[in-house]
Amino acid sequence: MVDTLRLKGAIVQNGKTQEEVARNLQMSPKTFYLKMKKRIFDSNEMEKMIDYLKIDDPVSIFFAKEVTFNED
């Protein structure tokens, strides 16, 4: 399960927006938001985000056993 709070942190840390990440993944922002809400991305999407956002520890974000929940 994806830890979306950590993913959002990585997006902000890299000076990107969720819309920019969605475009990089070649999907609409709406699709990206839905995937964030469901906390599920496929392996190709994860790999692209790891590269695009220069994520050093992808396991803590994309394979989190415990997820920090946000009320969004």
N, C-alpha and C. Protein backbone atom coordinates (compact mmCIF):
# COMPACT_ATOMS: atom_id res chain seq x y z
N MET A 1 0.84 -1.17 0.00
CA MET A 1 0.00 0.00 0.00
C MET A 1 0.90 1.24 0.00
N VAL A 2 0.53 2.23 -0.79
CA VAL A 2 1.31 3.45 -0.93
C VAL A 2 1.05 4.39 0.24
N ASP A 3 2.12 4.90 0.83
CA ASP A 3 2.01 5.92 1.87
C ASP A 3 1.92 7.26 1.16
N THR A 4 0.71 7.73 0.95
CA THR A 4 0.50 8.93 0.14
C THR A 4 1.04 10.19 0.80
N LEU A 5 1.08 10.24 2.12
CA LEU A 5 1.65 11.42 2.77
C LEU A 5 3.15 11.52 2.47
N ARG A 6 3.84 10.40 2.50
CA ARG A 6 5.27 10.42 2.15
C ARG A 6 5.47 10.74 0.67
N LEU A 7 4.59 10.22 -0.17
CA LEU A 7 4.68 10.52 -1.59
C LEU A 7 4.44 12.00 -1.84
N LYS A 8 3.42 12.57 -1.19
CA LYS A 8 3.17 14.00 -1.32
C LYS A 8 4.37 14.80 -0.83
N GLY A 9 5.01 14.34 0.25
CA GLY A 9 6.21 15.00 0.76
C GLY A 9 7.33 14.98 -0.26
N ALA A 10 7.52 13.85 -0.93
CA ALA A 10 8.56 13.74 -1.96
C ALA A 10 8.26 14.66 -3.13
N ILE A 11 6.99 14.80 -3.46
CA ILE A 11 6.60 15.69 -4.55
C ILE A 11 6.95 17.14 -4.19
N VAL A 12 6.56 17.56 -3.00
CA VAL A 12 6.84 18.92 -2.54
C VAL A 12 8.34 19.16 -2.40
N GLN A 13 9.05 18.18 -1.83
CA GLN A 13 10.49 18.30 -1.63
C GLN A 13 11.23 18.54 -2.95
N ASN A 14 10.69 18.01 -4.03
CA ASN A 14 11.30 18.17 -5.35
C ASN A 14 10.76 19.38 -6.11
N GLY A 15 9.95 20.19 -5.44
CA GLY A 15 9.41 21.39 -6.06
C GLY A 15 8.44 21.11 -7.18
N LYS A 16 7.79 19.98 -7.13
CA LYS A 16 6.83 19.57 -8.16
C LYS A 16 5.41 19.69 -7.60
N THR A 17 4.46 19.62 -8.50
CA THR A 17 3.05 19.54 -8.10
C THR A 17 2.52 18.16 -8.49
N GLN A 18 1.38 17.80 -7.94
CA GLN A 18 0.77 16.53 -8.31
C GLN A 18 0.38 16.54 -9.78
N GLU A 19 0.00 17.69 -10.29
CA GLU A 19 -0.34 17.80 -11.70
C GLU A 19 0.88 17.51 -12.58
N GLU A 20 2.06 18.01 -12.18
CA GLU A 20 3.28 17.75 -12.94
C GLU A 20 3.64 16.27 -12.92
N VAL A 21 3.46 15.65 -11.76
CA VAL A 21 3.74 14.21 -11.66
C VAL A 21 2.78 13.44 -12.55
N ALA A 22 1.51 13.83 -12.55
CA ALA A 22 0.51 13.17 -13.40
C ALA A 22 0.92 13.28 -14.87
N ARG A 23 1.33 14.47 -15.29
CA ARG A 23 1.75 14.66 -16.69
C ARG A 23 2.95 13.78 -17.01
N ASN A 24 3.90 13.70 -16.06
CA ASN A 24 5.07 12.85 -16.27
C ASN A 24 4.67 11.39 -16.45
N LEU A 25 3.62 10.99 -15.77
CA LEU A 25 3.12 9.62 -15.86
C LEU A 25 2.17 9.44 -17.05
N GLN A 26 1.95 10.52 -17.79
CA GLN A 26 1.06 10.51 -18.95
C GLN A 26 -0.36 10.10 -18.58
N MET A 27 -0.84 10.72 -17.49
CA MET A 27 -2.23 10.50 -17.08
C MET A 27 -2.82 11.85 -16.68
N SER A 28 -4.10 11.90 -16.60
CA SER A 28 -4.77 13.13 -16.19
C SER A 28 -4.59 13.34 -14.68
N PRO A 29 -4.65 14.59 -14.23
CA PRO A 29 -4.59 14.82 -12.79
C PRO A 29 -5.69 14.07 -12.04
N LYS A 30 -6.88 13.98 -12.65
CA LYS A 30 -7.98 13.26 -12.00
C LYS A 30 -7.62 11.80 -11.77
N THR A 31 -7.03 11.16 -12.77
CA THR A 31 -6.61 9.75 -12.62
C THR A 31 -5.56 9.63 -11.53
N PHE A 32 -4.61 10.57 -11.51
CA PHE A 32 -3.57 10.55 -10.48
C PHE A 32 -4.19 10.67 -9.09
N TYR A 33 -5.12 11.61 -8.91
CA TYR A 33 -5.77 11.79 -7.62
C TYR A 33 -6.53 10.54 -7.19
N LEU A 34 -7.20 9.89 -8.15
CA LEU A 34 -7.92 8.66 -7.82
C LEU A 34 -6.97 7.56 -7.38
N LYS A 35 -5.82 7.45 -8.06
CA LYS A 35 -4.83 6.44 -7.67
C LYS A 35 -4.26 6.77 -6.29
N MET A 36 -4.07 8.05 -6.01
CA MET A 36 -3.60 8.46 -4.68
C MET A 36 -4.63 8.07 -3.62
N LYS A 37 -5.89 8.33 -3.92
CA LYS A 37 -6.97 8.01 -2.97
C LYS A 37 -7.04 6.52 -2.69
N LYS A 38 -6.88 5.71 -3.76
CA LYS A 38 -6.91 4.25 -3.60
C LYS A 38 -5.60 3.70 -3.06
N ARG A 39 -4.53 4.53 -3.10
CA ARG A 39 -3.19 4.16 -2.62
C ARG A 39 -2.58 3.03 -3.45
N ILE A 40 -2.86 3.04 -4.76
CA ILE A 40 -2.36 1.96 -5.62
C ILE A 40 -1.82 2.55 -6.93
N PHE A 41 -0.58 2.18 -7.25
CA PHE A 41 0.04 2.52 -8.52
C PHE A 41 0.65 1.24 -9.08
N ASP A 42 0.71 1.13 -10.41
CA ASP A 42 1.35 -0.06 -10.96
C ASP A 42 2.87 0.11 -10.95
N SER A 43 3.58 -0.95 -11.23
CA SER A 43 5.03 -0.95 -11.10
C SER A 43 5.71 0.04 -12.05
N ASN A 44 5.18 0.21 -13.26
CA ASN A 44 5.75 1.18 -14.19
C ASN A 44 5.58 2.60 -13.67
N GLU A 45 4.44 2.90 -13.10
CA GLU A 45 4.19 4.22 -12.54
C GLU A 45 5.11 4.48 -11.35
N MET A 46 5.28 3.48 -10.51
CA MET A 46 6.18 3.63 -9.37
C MET A 46 7.61 3.91 -9.84
N GLU A 47 8.06 3.15 -10.82
CA GLU A 47 9.42 3.31 -11.33
C GLU A 47 9.63 4.71 -11.91
N LYS A 48 8.64 5.21 -12.65
CA LYS A 48 8.74 6.56 -13.22
C LYS A 48 8.80 7.61 -12.11
N MET A 49 7.98 7.44 -11.06
CA MET A 49 7.99 8.40 -9.97
C MET A 49 9.30 8.36 -9.20
N ILE A 50 9.85 7.17 -9.00
CA ILE A 50 11.14 7.03 -8.31
C ILE A 50 12.20 7.82 -9.06
N ASP A 51 12.23 7.69 -10.37
CA ASP A 51 13.21 8.42 -11.18
C ASP A 51 12.91 9.92 -11.21
N TYR A 52 11.69 10.27 -11.48
CA TYR A 52 11.29 11.68 -11.63
C TYR A 52 11.48 12.46 -10.34
N LEU A 53 11.16 11.83 -9.21
CA LEU A 53 11.24 12.51 -7.91
C LEU A 53 12.53 12.19 -7.16
N LYS A 54 13.39 11.39 -7.78
CA LYS A 54 14.68 11.02 -7.17
C LYS A 54 14.49 10.47 -5.75
N ILE A 55 13.60 9.50 -5.64
CA ILE A 55 13.28 8.90 -4.35
C ILE A 55 14.36 7.89 -3.98
N ASP A 56 15.01 8.12 -2.83
CA ASP A 56 16.10 7.25 -2.38
C ASP A 56 15.61 5.98 -1.71
N ASP A 57 14.47 6.05 -1.03
CA ASP A 57 13.96 4.91 -0.28
C ASP A 57 12.52 4.59 -0.73
N PRO A 58 12.38 4.02 -1.93
CA PRO A 58 11.03 3.78 -2.45
C PRO A 58 10.21 2.77 -1.65
N VAL A 59 10.87 1.87 -0.96
CA VAL A 59 10.14 0.85 -0.20
C VAL A 59 9.27 1.50 0.87
N SER A 60 9.79 2.55 1.52
CA SER A 60 9.03 3.19 2.59
C SER A 60 7.79 3.92 2.07
N ILE A 61 7.80 4.26 0.79
CA ILE A 61 6.65 4.96 0.20
C ILE A 61 5.70 3.98 -0.49
N PHE A 62 6.24 3.13 -1.34
CA PHE A 62 5.40 2.31 -2.21
C PHE A 62 5.05 0.94 -1.64
N PHE A 63 5.74 0.52 -0.60
CA PHE A 63 5.44 -0.79 -0.01
C PHE A 63 5.31 -0.67 1.50
N ALA A 64 4.65 0.39 1.94
CA ALA A 64 4.50 0.66 3.36
C ALA A 64 3.56 -0.36 3.99
N LYS A 65 4.01 -0.90 5.12
CA LYS A 65 3.14 -1.81 5.87
C LYS A 65 2.15 -1.02 6.70
N GLU A 66 2.64 0.08 7.28
CA GLU A 66 1.77 0.97 8.02
C GLU A 66 1.73 2.29 7.27
N VAL A 67 0.56 2.81 7.10
CA VAL A 67 0.38 4.02 6.31
C VAL A 67 -0.11 5.13 7.21
N THR A 68 0.48 6.31 7.05
CA THR A 68 0.02 7.48 7.76
C THR A 68 -1.20 7.99 7.03
N PHE A 69 -2.32 8.05 7.72
CA PHE A 69 -3.56 8.45 7.07
C PHE A 69 -3.80 9.93 7.21
N ASN A 70 -4.38 10.49 6.17
CA ASN A 70 -4.76 11.88 6.12
C ASN A 70 -6.26 11.90 5.90
N GLU A 71 -6.93 12.86 6.46
CA GLU A 71 -8.39 12.91 6.37
C GLU A 71 -8.89 13.43 5.03
N ASP A 72 -8.00 13.69 4.05
CA ASP A 72 -8.42 14.22 2.73
C ASP A 72 -9.34 13.26 2.04
